[in-house]
Amino acid sequence: MYTDRLQSVQFLVTTMDYFPEAANKHSDGGAANTPVMVKMPVVIGENMRRVKHYANKVGGYTYRPRKLEPFDLDTALRRNRQWILKMKRQGREFIDIGPDFARREAGADPSPFYNIERKQLEGYEKYSKVFIRMGKRSGGVLGMDCW
């Protein structure tokens, strides 16, 4: 890859989820200008700050909920569930960074959003865990949460 093309490649990777047609505009002209579809992996886990941090490190995609005024938990959970189903239909890879064990140590309840995501991904072939669990209340992602 040439250094003068790095900006367009970065543009392509960061915008393809939103504008797949951008692949044609920025392709290298190979094989009848067939678009190259790069689907970023979906990163899930508890605590969106952790999820976004990990997704930025690996070039992943995260759930971005629409604003809900006034907030309604049932509607928010339904939207999250629908988004996971949409990502599965697209054949996305899912990377699970696991629970926020600091939350567990503090005695907080598990996230209902993360629980729904995990349940929906049971048996899904493109699902992988990258966290280590050491008992019920400790563990995390190596190099991010602990160690």
C-alpha atoms as a PDB file:
ATOM      1  CA  MET A   1       0.000   0.000   0.000  1.00  0.00           C
ATOM      2  CA  TYR A   2       1.290   3.459  -0.821  1.00  0.00           C
ATOM      3  CA  THR A   3       1.498   6.104   1.858  1.00  0.00           C
ATOM      4  CA  ASP A   4      -0.392   8.610  -0.294  1.00  0.00           C
ATOM      5  CA  ARG A   5      -3.393   6.252  -0.217  1.00  0.00           C
ATOM      6  CA  LEU A   6      -3.497   5.804   3.565  1.00  0.00           C
ATOM      7  CA  GLN A   7      -6.014   8.590   4.096  1.00  0.00           C
ATOM      8  CA  SER A   8      -8.445   7.133   1.580  1.00  0.00           C
ATOM      9  CA  VAL A   9      -8.024   3.671   3.114  1.00  0.00           C
ATOM     10  CA  GLN A  10      -8.711   5.079   6.570  1.00  0.00           C
ATOM     11  CA  PHE A  11     -11.787   6.847   5.165  1.00  0.00           C
ATOM     12  CA  LEU A  12     -12.935   3.603   3.584  1.00  0.00           C
ATOM     13  CA  VAL A  13     -12.571   1.531   6.730  1.00  0.00           C
ATOM     14  CA  THR A  14     -14.274   4.086   8.979  1.00  0.00           C
ATOM     15  CA  THR A  15     -17.193   4.839   6.665  1.00  0.00           C
ATOM     16  CA  MET A  16     -18.021   1.529   4.992  1.00  0.00           C
ATOM     17  CA  ASP A  17     -20.456   0.498   7.702  1.00  0.00           C
ATOM     18  CA  TYR A  18     -22.498   3.575   6.958  1.00  0.00           C
ATOM     19  CA  PHE A  19     -21.887   3.936   3.214  1.00  0.00           C
ATOM     20  CA  PRO A  20     -21.042   0.611   1.508  1.00  0.00           C
ATOM     21  CA  GLU A  21     -21.105   2.393  -1.842  1.00  0.00           C
ATOM     22  CA  ALA A  22     -17.911   4.190  -0.758  1.00  0.00           C
ATOM     23  CA  ALA A  23     -16.074   0.944  -1.516  1.00  0.00           C
ATOM     24  CA  ASN A  24     -16.527   1.526  -5.257  1.00  0.00           C
ATOM     25  CA  LYS A  25     -15.281   5.096  -5.064  1.00  0.00           C
ATOM     26  CA  HIS A  26     -12.118   4.150  -3.183  1.00  0.00           C
ATOM     27  CA  SER A  27     -11.345   0.717  -4.633  1.00  0.00           C
ATOM     28  CA  ASP A  28      -8.100   0.072  -6.476  1.00  0.00           C
ATOM     29  CA  GLY A  29      -9.884  -0.725  -9.736  1.00  0.00           C
ATOM     30  CA  GLY A  30      -9.353  -4.490  -9.564  1.00  0.00           C
ATOM     31  CA  ALA A  31     -11.710  -7.205 -10.855  1.00  0.00           C
ATOM     32  CA  ALA A  32     -14.319  -5.099 -12.624  1.00  0.00           C
ATOM     33  CA  ASN A  33     -14.402  -2.608  -9.760  1.00  0.00           C
ATOM     34  CA  THR A  34     -16.042  -5.166  -7.484  1.00  0.00           C
ATOM     35  CA  PRO A  35     -16.608  -3.525  -4.106  1.00  0.00           C
ATOM     36  CA  VAL A  36     -14.536  -4.849  -1.251  1.00  0.00           C
ATOM     37  CA  MET A  37     -16.854  -5.247   1.702  1.00  0.00           C
ATOM     38  CA  VAL A  38     -15.011  -5.039   4.989  1.00  0.00           C
ATOM     39  CA  LYS A  39     -17.410  -5.595   7.846  1.00  0.00           C
ATOM     40  CA  MET A  40     -15.915  -4.480  11.106  1.00  0.00           C
ATOM     41  CA  PRO A  41     -16.347  -6.885  14.008  1.00  0.00           C
ATOM     42  CA  VAL A  42     -18.939  -5.964  16.609  1.00  0.00           C
ATOM     43  CA  VAL A  43     -17.563  -5.524  20.121  1.00  0.00           C
ATOM     44  CA  ILE A  44     -19.873  -6.232  23.047  1.00  0.00           C
ATOM     45  CA  GLY A  45     -19.350  -6.189  26.781  1.00  0.00           C
ATOM     46  CA  GLU A  46     -20.441  -4.530  29.958  1.00  0.00           C
ATOM     47  CA  ASN A  47     -19.706  -0.809  30.369  1.00  0.00           C
ATOM     48  CA  MET A  48     -19.718   1.109  27.090  1.00  0.00           C
ATOM     49  CA  ARG A  49     -16.557   3.007  28.031  1.00  0.00           C
ATOM     50  CA  ARG A  50     -14.675  -0.325  28.028  1.00  0.00           C
ATOM     51  CA  VAL A  51     -16.455  -1.502  24.874  1.00  0.00           C
ATOM     52  CA  LYS A  52     -15.631   1.669  22.919  1.00  0.00           C
ATOM     53  CA  HIS A  53     -12.019   1.616  24.121  1.00  0.00           C
ATOM     54  CA  TYR A  54     -11.519  -1.979  22.947  1.00  0.00           C
ATOM     55  CA  ALA A  55     -13.364  -1.356  19.670  1.00  0.00           C
ATOM     56  CA  ASN A  56     -11.064   1.583  18.920  1.00  0.00           C
ATOM     57  CA  LYS A  57      -8.030  -0.633  19.537  1.00  0.00           C
ATOM     58  CA  VAL A  58      -9.168  -3.411  17.170  1.00  0.00           C
ATOM     59  CA  GLY A  59     -11.121  -1.441  14.570  1.00  0.00           C
ATOM     60  CA  GLY A  60     -14.429  -2.723  15.861  1.00  0.00           C
ATOM     61  CA  TYR A  61     -17.991  -1.489  15.733  1.00  0.00           C
ATOM     62  CA  THR A  62     -20.204  -0.789  18.751  1.00  0.00           C
ATOM     63  CA  TYR A  63     -23.862  -0.241  19.433  1.00  0.00           C
ATOM     64  CA  ARG A  64     -24.792   3.425  19.236  1.00  0.00           C
ATOM     65  CA  PRO A  65     -28.256   3.826  20.710  1.00  0.00           C
ATOM     66  CA  ARG A  66     -30.564   6.582  19.590  1.00  0.00           C
ATOM     67  CA  LYS A  67     -31.586   9.086  22.206  1.00  0.00           C
ATOM     68  CA  LEU A  68     -34.734   8.075  24.021  1.00  0.00           C
ATOM     69  CA  GLU A  69     -36.646  10.889  25.754  1.00  0.00           C
ATOM     70  CA  PRO A  70     -38.007  10.041  28.231  1.00  0.00           C
ATOM     71  CA  PHE A  71     -35.873   6.957  28.805  1.00  0.00           C
ATOM     72  CA  ASP A  72     -37.803   3.690  28.692  1.00  0.00           C
ATOM     73  CA  LEU A  73     -35.851   0.551  29.613  1.00  0.00           C
ATOM     74  CA  ASP A  74     -38.110  -1.834  27.670  1.00  0.00           C
ATOM     75  CA  THR A  75     -37.788   0.212  24.469  1.00  0.00           C
ATOM     76  CA  ALA A  76     -34.032   0.561  24.918  1.00  0.00           C
ATOM     77  CA  LEU A  77     -33.618  -3.200  25.435  1.00  0.00           C
ATOM     78  CA  ARG A  78     -35.817  -3.951  22.399  1.00  0.00           C
ATOM     79  CA  ARG A  79     -33.710  -1.651  20.204  1.00  0.00           C
ATOM     80  CA  ASN A  80     -30.514  -3.270  21.449  1.00  0.00           C
ATOM     81  CA  ARG A  81     -31.938  -6.740  20.697  1.00  0.00           C
ATOM     82  CA  GLN A  82     -32.982  -5.664  17.184  1.00  0.00           C
ATOM     83  CA  TRP A  83     -29.516  -4.259  16.493  1.00  0.00           C
ATOM     84  CA  ILE A  84     -27.820  -7.522  17.542  1.00  0.00           C
ATOM     85  CA  LEU A  85     -30.153  -9.450  15.216  1.00  0.00           C
ATOM     86  CA  LYS A  86     -29.337  -7.056  12.372  1.00  0.00           C
ATOM     87  CA  MET A  87     -25.599  -7.530  12.916  1.00  0.00           C
ATOM     88  CA  LYS A  88     -26.031 -11.327  12.965  1.00  0.00           C
ATOM     89  CA  ARG A  89     -27.974 -11.193   9.687  1.00  0.00           C
ATOM     90  CA  GLN A  90     -25.050  -9.271   8.197  1.00  0.00           C
ATOM     91  CA  GLY A  91     -22.771 -12.139   9.210  1.00  0.00           C
ATOM     92  CA  ARG A  92     -20.700 -10.011  11.567  1.00  0.00           C
ATOM     93  CA  GLU A  93     -18.062 -11.391  13.877  1.00  0.00           C
ATOM     94  CA  PHE A  94     -18.774 -10.608  17.547  1.00  0.00           C
ATOM     95  CA  ILE A  95     -16.009 -10.025  20.086  1.00  0.00           C
ATOM     96  CA  ASP A  96     -17.100 -10.247  23.723  1.00  0.00           C
ATOM     97  CA  ILE A  97     -14.885  -8.353  26.184  1.00  0.00           C
ATOM     98  CA  GLY A  98     -16.953  -9.684  29.055  1.00  0.00           C
ATOM     99  CA  PRO A  99     -18.383  -8.305  32.253  1.00  0.00           C
ATOM    100  CA  ASP A 100     -17.086  -5.218  33.981  1.00  0.00           C
ATOM    101  CA  PHE A 101     -15.641  -7.058  36.961  1.00  0.00           C
ATOM    102  CA  ALA A 102     -15.024  -3.770  38.812  1.00  0.00           C
ATOM    103  CA  ARG A 103     -18.803  -3.322  38.724  1.00  0.00           C
ATOM    104  CA  ARG A 104     -19.215  -6.798  40.207  1.00  0.00           C
ATOM    105  CA  GLU A 105     -16.724  -6.046  42.995  1.00  0.00           C
ATOM    106  CA  ALA A 106     -18.674  -2.878  43.827  1.00  0.00           C
ATOM    107  CA  GLY A 107     -21.839  -4.963  44.235  1.00  0.00           C
ATOM    108  CA  ALA A 108     -23.705  -3.492  41.240  1.00  0.00           C
ATOM    109  CA  ASP A 109     -26.218  -5.597  39.335  1.00  0.00           C
ATOM    110  CA  PRO A 110     -25.214  -6.992  35.932  1.00  0.00           C
ATOM    111  CA  SER A 111     -26.177  -4.895  32.914  1.00  0.00           C
ATOM    112  CA  PRO A 112     -29.483  -6.012  31.359  1.00  0.00           C
ATOM    113  CA  PHE A 113     -28.156  -4.874  27.958  1.00  0.00           C
ATOM    114  CA  TYR A 114     -25.067  -7.061  28.128  1.00  0.00           C
ATOM    115  CA  ASN A 115     -27.157 -10.000  29.363  1.00  0.00           C
ATOM    116  CA  ILE A 116     -29.472  -9.705  26.352  1.00  0.00           C
ATOM    117  CA  GLU A 117     -26.519  -9.526  23.962  1.00  0.00           C
ATOM    118  CA  ARG A 118     -24.899 -12.641  25.439  1.00  0.00           C
ATOM    119  CA  LYS A 119     -28.145 -14.617  25.304  1.00  0.00           C
ATOM    120  CA  GLN A 120     -28.760 -13.650  21.686  1.00  0.00           C
ATOM    121  CA  LEU A 121     -25.279 -14.797  20.710  1.00  0.00           C
ATOM    122  CA  GLU A 122     -25.444 -18.262  22.313  1.00  0.00           C
ATOM    123  CA  GLY A 123     -24.471 -20.778  19.644  1.00  0.00           C
ATOM    124  CA  TYR A 124     -23.556 -18.104  17.070  1.00  0.00           C
ATOM    125  CA  GLU A 125     -20.524 -19.376  15.155  1.00  0.00           C
ATOM    126  CA  LYS A 126     -18.857 -15.977  14.762  1.00  0.00           C
ATOM    127  CA  TYR A 127     -18.832 -15.214  18.492  1.00  0.00           C
ATOM    128  CA  SER A 128     -15.619 -15.180  20.511  1.00  0.00           C
ATOM    129  CA  LYS A 129     -14.683 -14.227  24.051  1.00  0.00           C
ATOM    130  CA  VAL A 130     -11.458 -12.337  24.687  1.00  0.00           C
ATOM    131  CA  PHE A 131     -11.787 -12.026  28.456  1.00  0.00           C
ATOM    132  CA  ILE A 132     -10.518 -14.227  31.241  1.00  0.00           C
ATOM    133  CA  ARG A 133     -12.783 -15.092  34.153  1.00  0.00           C
ATOM    134  CA  MET A 134     -11.246 -15.888  37.529  1.00  0.00           C
ATOM    135  CA  GLY A 135     -14.194 -16.742  39.710  1.00  0.00           C
ATOM    136  CA  LYS A 136     -17.496 -14.933  39.782  1.00  0.00           C
ATOM    137  CA  ARG A 137     -16.224 -11.440  40.572  1.00  0.00           C
ATOM    138  CA  SER A 138     -12.814 -11.114  38.952  1.00  0.00           C
ATOM    139  CA  GLY A 139     -11.190 -11.234  35.541  1.00  0.00           C
ATOM    140  CA  GLY A 140     -11.096  -9.075  32.455  1.00  0.00           C
ATOM    141  CA  VAL A 141      -9.324  -8.473  29.163  1.00  0.00           C
ATOM    142  CA  LEU A 142      -5.571  -8.948  29.315  1.00  0.00           C
ATOM    143  CA  GLY A 143      -3.791  -5.622  28.895  1.00  0.00           C
ATOM    144  CA  MET A 144      -6.965  -3.599  29.274  1.00  0.00           C
ATOM    145  CA  ASP A 145      -8.747  -4.405  32.532  1.00  0.00           C
ATOM    146  CA  CYS A 146      -6.049  -6.124  34.497  1.00  0.00           C
ATOM    147  CA  TRP A 147      -2.513  -7.494  34.596  1.00  0.00           C
END
